[in-house]
Amino acid sequence: MNKESIYGLTIDRLAEWLENNGEKRSRALPVWENLYRKRVTDFAAMADVNEACRELLAERFVLSTMEEHTKQESADGTVKFLFRLQDGNLIETVLMRHKFGLSVCVTTQVGCNIGCSFCASGLLAKSRDLSAGEIVEQIMKVQLHLDGEGRGEKVSHIVVMGIGEPFDNYDNMADFIRIVKDHKGLAIGPRHITVSTSGLAGKIREFADSDLQTNLAISLHAPNNELRTRIMKINRAIPIEKLLEAIDYYLERTNRRLTLEYILLKDVNDQVEHAQELAELIGETRKPLVNVNLIPYNPVDEHSQYQRSEQESIRAFYDALKKRGVSVSVRLEHGTDIDAACGQLRSKQIRREKVASGG
């Protein structure tokens, strides 16, 4: 049986585990600092932790549950990692360079069951959730990559927007956030963490009531039910009306801005009339706390029915929202010279392995 990743424990759970196994709770802090400040890769390297405690940790936990399979580096500094997990599954993690810092996009599931018709992540159905440790380890692998470059750079921002639906793996996602934002460790501020969901209304309410205090982004992608159902099959179960009720609950409960993500698909949802309908959908009361993030589409071979919107269409859509008082931005693109679409590198590698094995 594979050992558990120690990165899956919050500091309180680590202290509790140590106490339950004959060690002092106070040993949790030096262990934690070794993990996240010194970033040791071997329990034996925890010089300020007694030998018995180190051996106890090594018997039960591991510091690595994945290995780097492929790494693609873009001219703009974006790095896409393909990691192979202990069970052989592949996941993607992406490092992006911004003016405001270094951001990492993490994956929360192996595959995805949401089934958005434009998305490379959903080309393969979900086979399992990632553990909290596997999600945290993605950050640690990227940070170790940065450490190896010797420039003193640190991960400063996180987006939970990789393969999978984070709210479909809610508990592990929540533990991940608690671990990475802990001020004794990586200390990534909650305002520097954004979680994206396709719109699981019940979980949006739970998120609003939680202590996580991170940013929320909701994948909308259409201004009406007919079009959204065509693009995102989840809309059959959770239509826009139910989603808006959850959004209103979130806004009222937190009084925090949220982002509506809108991927622009040529001649599908990118016309000025769609922008006008979107502005009406948002309405006057939500406008002060909602930002629409327009996302240029990265074409995927398996979804050839969709094409990238023309720049003129993107500008017209943007202007139409602006004229109606909607806060709007266009996502800055990263890694366009590599497999930019989320899940694209993974799906290509899996296809290659099937061909090689005769499958």
Protein backbone atom coordinates (compact mmCIF):
# COMPACT_ATOMS: atom_id res chain seq x y z
CA MET A 1 0.00 0.00 0.00
CA ASN A 2 1.28 3.44 -0.90
CA LYS A 3 2.17 5.71 1.98
CA GLU A 4 0.20 8.90 2.53
CA SER A 5 1.59 12.27 1.44
CA ILE A 6 2.54 14.34 4.46
CA TYR A 7 1.51 17.42 2.49
CA GLY A 8 -2.12 16.43 3.01
CA LEU A 9 -2.05 17.30 6.71
CA THR A 10 -2.92 20.71 8.07
CA ILE A 11 -0.62 21.77 10.89
CA ASP A 12 -3.33 20.99 13.47
CA ARG A 13 -3.80 17.49 12.08
CA LEU A 14 -0.05 16.98 12.02
CA ALA A 15 0.15 17.98 15.70
CA GLU A 16 -2.71 15.64 16.54
CA TRP A 17 -1.11 12.76 14.63
CA LEU A 18 2.21 13.27 16.41
CA GLU A 19 0.51 13.28 19.79
CA ASN A 20 -1.46 10.13 18.97
CA ASN A 21 1.80 8.42 18.01
CA GLY A 22 3.76 9.22 21.14
CA GLU A 23 5.39 12.49 20.12
CA LYS A 24 4.91 16.01 21.45
CA ARG A 25 2.42 18.26 19.65
CA SER A 26 5.05 21.00 19.68
CA ARG A 27 7.16 19.03 17.20
CA ALA A 28 4.61 19.87 14.50
CA LEU A 29 5.98 23.38 14.01
CA PRO A 30 9.60 22.44 13.21
CA VAL A 31 8.35 19.66 10.93
CA TRP A 32 6.05 22.14 9.20
CA GLU A 33 8.85 24.68 8.75
CA ASN A 34 11.10 22.00 7.29
CA LEU A 35 8.39 21.09 4.80
CA TYR A 36 7.39 24.54 3.63
CA ARG A 37 10.16 26.98 4.56
CA LYS A 38 13.28 24.83 4.17
CA ARG A 39 11.53 22.59 1.63
CA VAL A 40 13.42 19.42 2.50
CA THR A 41 12.98 16.45 0.20
CA ASP A 42 13.95 13.79 2.74
CA PHE A 43 12.77 13.36 6.32
CA ALA A 44 16.39 12.64 7.31
CA ALA A 45 17.26 16.23 6.33
CA MET A 46 15.10 17.64 9.15
CA ALA A 47 18.13 18.37 11.33
CA ASP A 48 16.18 20.19 14.05
CA VAL A 49 13.69 17.30 14.47
CA ASN A 50 14.74 14.41 16.72
CA GLU A 51 15.68 11.14 15.05
CA ALA A 52 12.81 9.13 16.53
CA CYS A 53 10.29 11.60 15.18
CA ARG A 54 11.93 11.62 11.75
CA GLU A 55 11.84 7.82 11.61
CA LEU A 56 8.20 7.80 12.73
CA LEU A 57 7.25 10.22 9.96
CA ALA A 58 9.17 8.22 7.35
CA GLU A 59 7.38 5.02 8.35
CA ARG A 60 3.96 6.53 7.68
CA PHE A 61 4.39 9.34 5.15
CA VAL A 62 6.19 10.26 1.94
CA LEU A 63 7.40 13.58 0.55
CA SER A 64 6.77 12.69 -3.08
CA THR A 65 3.79 10.95 -4.66
CA MET A 66 4.45 12.09 -8.22
CA GLU A 67 7.30 12.43 -10.66
CA GLU A 68 7.85 14.85 -13.52
CA HIS A 69 7.01 13.15 -16.81
CA THR A 70 7.18 16.06 -19.24
CA LYS A 71 7.93 19.76 -18.96
CA GLN A 72 7.09 22.31 -21.64
CA GLU A 73 8.53 25.82 -21.43
CA SER A 74 7.07 28.74 -23.35
CA ALA A 75 8.86 31.79 -24.70
CA ASP A 76 6.77 33.92 -22.31
CA GLY A 77 8.10 32.03 -19.27
CA THR A 78 5.09 29.76 -18.79
CA VAL A 79 6.03 26.23 -17.73
CA LYS A 80 3.58 23.35 -18.09
CA PHE A 81 4.37 20.25 -16.04
CA LEU A 82 2.96 16.81 -16.71
CA PHE A 83 3.24 14.71 -13.54
CA ARG A 84 2.78 10.96 -13.24
CA LEU A 85 1.11 9.87 -10.01
CA GLN A 86 1.85 6.72 -8.03
CA ASP A 87 -1.05 4.89 -9.71
CA GLY A 88 0.23 5.82 -13.18
CA ASN A 89 -2.28 8.58 -13.86
CA LEU A 90 -1.16 11.86 -15.41
CA ILE A 91 -2.03 15.38 -14.28
CA GLU A 92 -1.07 18.88 -15.41
CA THR A 93 0.22 21.84 -13.41
CA VAL A 94 1.12 25.22 -14.91
CA LEU A 95 3.46 27.98 -13.75
CA MET A 96 2.62 31.42 -15.15
CA ARG A 97 4.63 34.63 -14.87
CA HIS A 98 2.73 37.86 -14.27
CA LYS A 99 3.79 41.40 -13.45
CA PHE A 100 2.27 40.87 -10.01
CA GLY A 101 4.12 37.60 -9.31
CA LEU A 102 4.29 33.89 -10.06
CA SER A 103 1.01 32.00 -10.30
CA VAL A 104 0.45 28.25 -10.34
CA CYS A 105 -2.64 26.57 -11.76
CA VAL A 106 -3.33 23.28 -9.99
CA THR A 107 -5.36 20.20 -10.91
CA THR A 108 -7.86 18.69 -8.44
CA GLN A 109 -9.06 15.53 -10.22
CA VAL A 110 -7.81 12.88 -12.62
CA GLY A 111 -10.10 13.69 -15.53
CA CYS A 112 -13.37 15.61 -15.33
CA ASN A 113 -17.05 14.67 -15.42
CA ILE A 114 -18.48 18.15 -16.03
CA GLY A 115 -18.26 17.63 -19.78
CA CYS A 116 -17.93 21.16 -21.14
CA SER A 117 -18.09 20.71 -24.89
CA PHE A 118 -15.08 22.95 -25.64
CA CYS A 119 -12.69 21.69 -22.95
CA ALA A 120 -9.67 19.40 -23.29
CA SER A 121 -9.82 18.54 -19.58
CA GLY A 122 -13.07 16.63 -20.05
CA LEU A 123 -11.88 14.50 -22.95
CA LEU A 124 -11.29 11.75 -20.41
CA ALA A 125 -13.84 11.08 -17.69
CA LYS A 126 -12.89 11.47 -14.04
CA SER A 127 -11.24 8.35 -12.64
CA ARG A 128 -10.65 9.71 -9.15
CA ASP A 129 -10.20 12.76 -6.95
CA LEU A 130 -6.76 13.97 -5.98
CA SER A 131 -5.95 13.94 -2.29
CA ALA A 132 -5.17 17.21 -0.54
CA GLY A 133 -1.54 16.08 -0.43
CA GLU A 134 -1.41 15.54 -4.18
CA ILE A 135 -2.78 19.03 -4.78
CA VAL A 136 -0.33 20.64 -2.34
CA GLU A 137 2.54 18.66 -3.83
CA GLN A 138 1.94 20.32 -7.19
CA ILE A 139 2.80 23.65 -5.57
CA MET A 140 5.85 22.13 -3.89
CA LYS A 141 7.12 20.58 -7.14
CA VAL A 142 6.86 23.95 -8.89
CA GLN A 143 8.52 25.73 -5.97
CA LEU A 144 11.37 23.21 -6.00
CA HIS A 145 11.73 23.88 -9.74
CA LEU A 146 12.05 27.60 -8.94
CA ASP A 147 14.48 26.89 -6.10
CA GLY A 148 16.62 24.93 -8.54
CA GLU A 149 16.86 27.93 -10.85
CA GLY A 150 18.53 29.84 -8.03
CA ARG A 151 16.83 33.20 -8.55
CA GLY A 152 15.08 33.33 -5.19
CA GLU A 153 11.63 33.28 -6.78
CA LYS A 154 8.56 32.05 -4.92
CA VAL A 155 5.05 31.06 -5.86
CA SER A 156 2.88 34.02 -4.87
CA HIS A 157 -0.52 33.22 -6.39
CA ILE A 158 -2.60 30.09 -6.96
CA VAL A 159 -5.50 29.41 -9.30
CA VAL A 160 -7.49 26.22 -8.78
CA MET A 161 -8.49 25.95 -12.43
CA GLY A 162 -6.67 22.90 -13.74
CA ILE A 163 -8.13 19.52 -14.69
CA GLY A 164 -11.31 18.65 -12.80
CA GLU A 165 -14.10 20.47 -10.94
CA PRO A 166 -12.67 21.70 -7.60
CA PHE A 167 -16.08 21.77 -5.91
CA ASP A 168 -16.61 18.12 -6.88
CA ASN A 169 -13.59 17.41 -4.65
CA TYR A 170 -14.56 20.00 -2.08
CA ASP A 171 -13.07 18.66 1.17
CA ASN A 172 -9.63 17.96 -0.31
CA MET A 173 -9.67 21.30 -2.11
CA ALA A 174 -10.54 23.08 1.14
CA ASP A 175 -7.73 21.34 3.05
CA PHE A 176 -5.33 22.27 0.27
CA ILE A 177 -6.23 25.94 0.67
CA ARG A 178 -5.87 25.81 4.46
CA ILE A 179 -2.40 24.27 4.08
CA VAL A 180 -0.98 26.65 1.47
CA LYS A 181 -2.29 29.80 3.13
CA ASP A 182 -1.02 28.88 6.63
CA HIS A 183 1.19 31.78 7.72
CA LYS A 184 3.77 29.42 9.27
CA GLY A 185 4.38 27.71 5.94
CA LEU A 186 3.96 28.88 2.35
CA ALA A 187 1.88 31.82 3.62
CA ILE A 188 0.08 32.46 0.33
CA GLY A 189 -2.58 35.05 1.13
CA PRO A 190 -6.21 34.02 0.56
CA ARG A 191 -6.69 37.04 -1.71
CA HIS A 192 -3.95 35.56 -3.89
CA ILE A 193 -5.87 32.29 -4.33
CA THR A 194 -8.75 31.87 -6.80
CA VAL A 195 -10.99 28.83 -7.05
CA SER A 196 -12.94 28.25 -10.26
CA THR A 197 -16.16 26.24 -10.46
CA SER A 198 -18.49 25.31 -13.30
CA GLY A 199 -21.36 26.30 -11.04
CA LEU A 200 -22.15 23.69 -8.36
CA ALA A 201 -24.72 25.82 -6.56
CA GLY A 202 -24.77 23.94 -3.26
CA LYS A 203 -21.00 24.06 -2.97
CA ILE A 204 -20.94 27.78 -3.80
CA ARG A 205 -23.14 28.30 -0.74
CA GLU A 206 -20.88 26.09 1.36
CA PHE A 207 -17.86 28.01 0.10
CA ALA A 208 -19.55 31.28 1.08
CA ASP A 209 -20.04 29.98 4.62
CA SER A 210 -16.49 28.63 4.97
CA ASP A 211 -13.38 30.14 6.54
CA LEU A 212 -11.41 29.92 3.29
CA GLN A 213 -11.83 33.58 2.25
CA THR A 214 -10.32 33.06 -1.18
CA ASN A 215 -11.49 34.47 -4.51
CA LEU A 216 -14.25 32.76 -6.47
CA ALA A 217 -14.57 32.45 -10.25
CA ILE A 218 -17.60 30.89 -11.95
CA SER A 219 -17.51 29.49 -15.47
CA LEU A 220 -20.60 30.96 -17.11
CA HIS A 221 -19.74 31.02 -20.84
CA ALA A 222 -23.27 31.86 -22.02
CA PRO A 223 -25.99 34.40 -21.18
CA ASN A 224 -29.01 32.06 -21.44
CA ASN A 225 -29.98 28.48 -20.63
CA GLU A 226 -30.37 27.27 -24.19
CA LEU A 227 -26.87 28.28 -25.19
CA ARG A 228 -25.24 27.35 -21.89
CA THR A 229 -26.79 23.86 -21.97
CA ARG A 230 -25.37 23.38 -25.46
CA ILE A 231 -21.91 24.41 -24.27
CA MET A 232 -22.00 23.00 -20.71
CA LYS A 233 -24.11 19.94 -19.94
CA ILE A 234 -24.09 20.78 -16.22
CA ASN A 235 -26.61 23.50 -17.02
CA ARG A 236 -29.27 20.79 -17.40
CA ALA A 237 -28.95 20.01 -13.68
CA ILE A 238 -28.13 23.52 -12.48
CA PRO A 239 -29.69 26.09 -14.82
CA ILE A 240 -28.69 29.73 -14.73
CA GLU A 241 -31.56 30.68 -12.39
CA LYS A 242 -30.28 28.31 -9.68
CA LEU A 243 -26.73 29.45 -10.27
CA LEU A 244 -27.74 33.09 -9.85
CA GLU A 245 -29.47 32.28 -6.57
CA ALA A 246 -26.21 30.76 -5.30
CA ILE A 247 -24.26 33.75 -6.59
CA ASP A 248 -26.59 36.13 -4.77
CA TYR A 249 -26.12 34.12 -1.58
CA TYR A 250 -22.35 34.31 -1.98
CA LEU A 251 -22.37 38.06 -2.61
CA GLU A 252 -24.67 38.76 0.31
CA ARG A 253 -22.78 36.45 2.67
CA THR A 254 -19.26 37.63 1.79
CA ASN A 255 -19.65 41.07 0.18
CA ARG A 256 -16.69 40.07 -1.98
CA ARG A 257 -16.20 40.46 -5.72
CA LEU A 258 -16.48 37.38 -7.87
CA THR A 259 -15.47 36.68 -11.44
CA LEU A 260 -17.71 35.34 -14.19
CA GLU A 261 -15.54 33.52 -16.71
CA TYR A 262 -16.72 33.73 -20.30
CA ILE A 263 -14.82 31.83 -22.99
CA LEU A 264 -15.38 33.37 -26.41
CA LEU A 265 -16.28 30.89 -29.16
CA LYS A 266 -16.46 32.18 -32.71
CA ASP A 267 -20.04 32.66 -33.97
CA VAL A 268 -21.38 30.75 -30.95
CA ASN A 269 -21.48 33.09 -27.96
CA ASP A 270 -19.34 36.06 -29.01
CA GLN A 271 -21.83 38.42 -30.64
CA VAL A 272 -22.77 41.87 -29.33
CA GLU A 273 -26.30 40.66 -28.63
CA HIS A 274 -24.82 38.00 -26.33
CA ALA A 275 -22.92 40.72 -24.47
CA GLN A 276 -26.09 42.76 -24.11
CA GLU A 277 -27.95 39.73 -22.79
CA LEU A 278 -25.12 39.02 -20.37
CA ALA A 279 -25.27 42.58 -19.03
CA GLU A 280 -29.00 42.21 -18.44
CA LEU A 281 -28.45 38.87 -16.72
CA ILE A 282 -25.93 40.38 -14.31
CA GLY A 283 -28.30 43.21 -13.51
CA GLU A 284 -27.75 46.45 -11.65
CA THR A 285 -27.57 45.03 -8.12
CA ARG A 286 -24.81 42.54 -8.93
CA LYS A 287 -22.67 44.87 -11.07
CA PRO A 288 -20.61 46.40 -8.23
CA LEU A 289 -19.37 42.98 -7.11
CA VAL A 290 -19.02 41.12 -10.42
CA ASN A 291 -16.24 41.17 -13.00
CA VAL A 292 -16.56 39.41 -16.34
CA ASN A 293 -13.31 37.83 -17.52
CA LEU A 294 -13.33 37.23 -21.27
CA ILE A 295 -11.18 34.26 -22.27
CA PRO A 296 -9.85 33.85 -25.84
CA TYR A 297 -10.35 30.21 -26.84
CA ASN A 298 -7.39 27.84 -27.27
CA PRO A 299 -8.49 25.43 -30.05
CA VAL A 300 -8.52 21.70 -29.24
CA ASP A 301 -8.25 19.11 -32.01
CA GLU A 302 -11.07 16.99 -30.59
CA HIS A 303 -13.43 19.99 -30.44
CA SER A 304 -13.04 21.23 -34.01
CA GLN A 305 -16.60 22.63 -33.98
CA TYR A 306 -15.25 25.57 -31.99
CA GLN A 307 -12.89 28.24 -33.24
CA ARG A 308 -11.19 31.24 -31.69
CA SER A 309 -13.15 34.50 -31.85
CA GLU A 310 -11.78 37.26 -34.04
CA GLN A 311 -10.11 40.18 -32.30
CA GLU A 312 -12.79 42.50 -33.62
CA SER A 313 -15.49 40.35 -32.00
CA ILE A 314 -13.61 40.30 -28.69
CA ARG A 315 -13.28 44.10 -28.73
CA ALA A 316 -16.95 44.58 -29.65
CA PHE A 317 -18.05 42.21 -26.87
CA TYR A 318 -15.82 44.01 -24.37
CA ASP A 319 -17.10 47.44 -25.44
CA ALA A 320 -20.73 46.34 -25.26
CA LEU A 321 -20.30 45.25 -21.64
CA LYS A 322 -18.36 48.40 -20.74
CA LYS A 323 -21.09 50.62 -22.17
CA ARG A 324 -23.58 48.92 -19.89
CA GLY A 325 -21.49 49.51 -16.79
CA VAL A 326 -20.18 45.96 -16.40
CA SER A 327 -16.65 45.51 -15.08
CA VAL A 328 -14.86 43.44 -17.71
CA SER A 329 -11.34 42.25 -18.50
CA VAL A 330 -9.69 40.07 -21.14
CA ARG A 331 -7.54 37.26 -19.78
CA LEU A 332 -3.87 37.63 -20.59
CA GLU A 333 -2.79 34.55 -22.50
CA HIS A 334 0.09 32.33 -21.43
CA GLY A 335 1.90 29.50 -23.18
CA THR A 336 0.32 29.95 -26.60
CA ASP A 337 3.38 28.36 -28.22
CA ILE A 338 2.97 25.14 -26.19
CA ASP A 339 -0.10 22.99 -25.38
CA ALA A 340 -1.95 25.96 -23.90
CA ALA A 341 -5.41 24.49 -23.39
CA CYS A 342 -5.93 22.90 -19.97
CA GLY A 343 -5.70 19.11 -20.29
CA GLN A 344 -4.25 19.22 -23.80
CA LEU A 345 -0.78 17.96 -22.93
CA ARG A 346 -2.22 15.17 -20.79
CA SER A 347 -4.66 13.96 -23.45
CA LYS A 348 -1.94 13.97 -26.11
CA GLN A 349 0.38 11.91 -23.92
CA ILE A 350 -2.34 9.39 -23.10
CA ARG A 351 -3.12 8.99 -26.81
CA ARG A 352 0.56 8.41 -27.55
CA GLU A 353 0.80 5.76 -24.85
CA LYS A 354 -2.29 3.97 -26.18
CA VAL A 355 -0.82 3.91 -29.69
CA ALA A 356 2.52 2.64 -28.39
CA SER A 357 0.80 -0.18 -26.47
CA GLY A 358 -1.44 -1.10 -29.40
CA GLY A 359 -4.57 0.01 -27.51
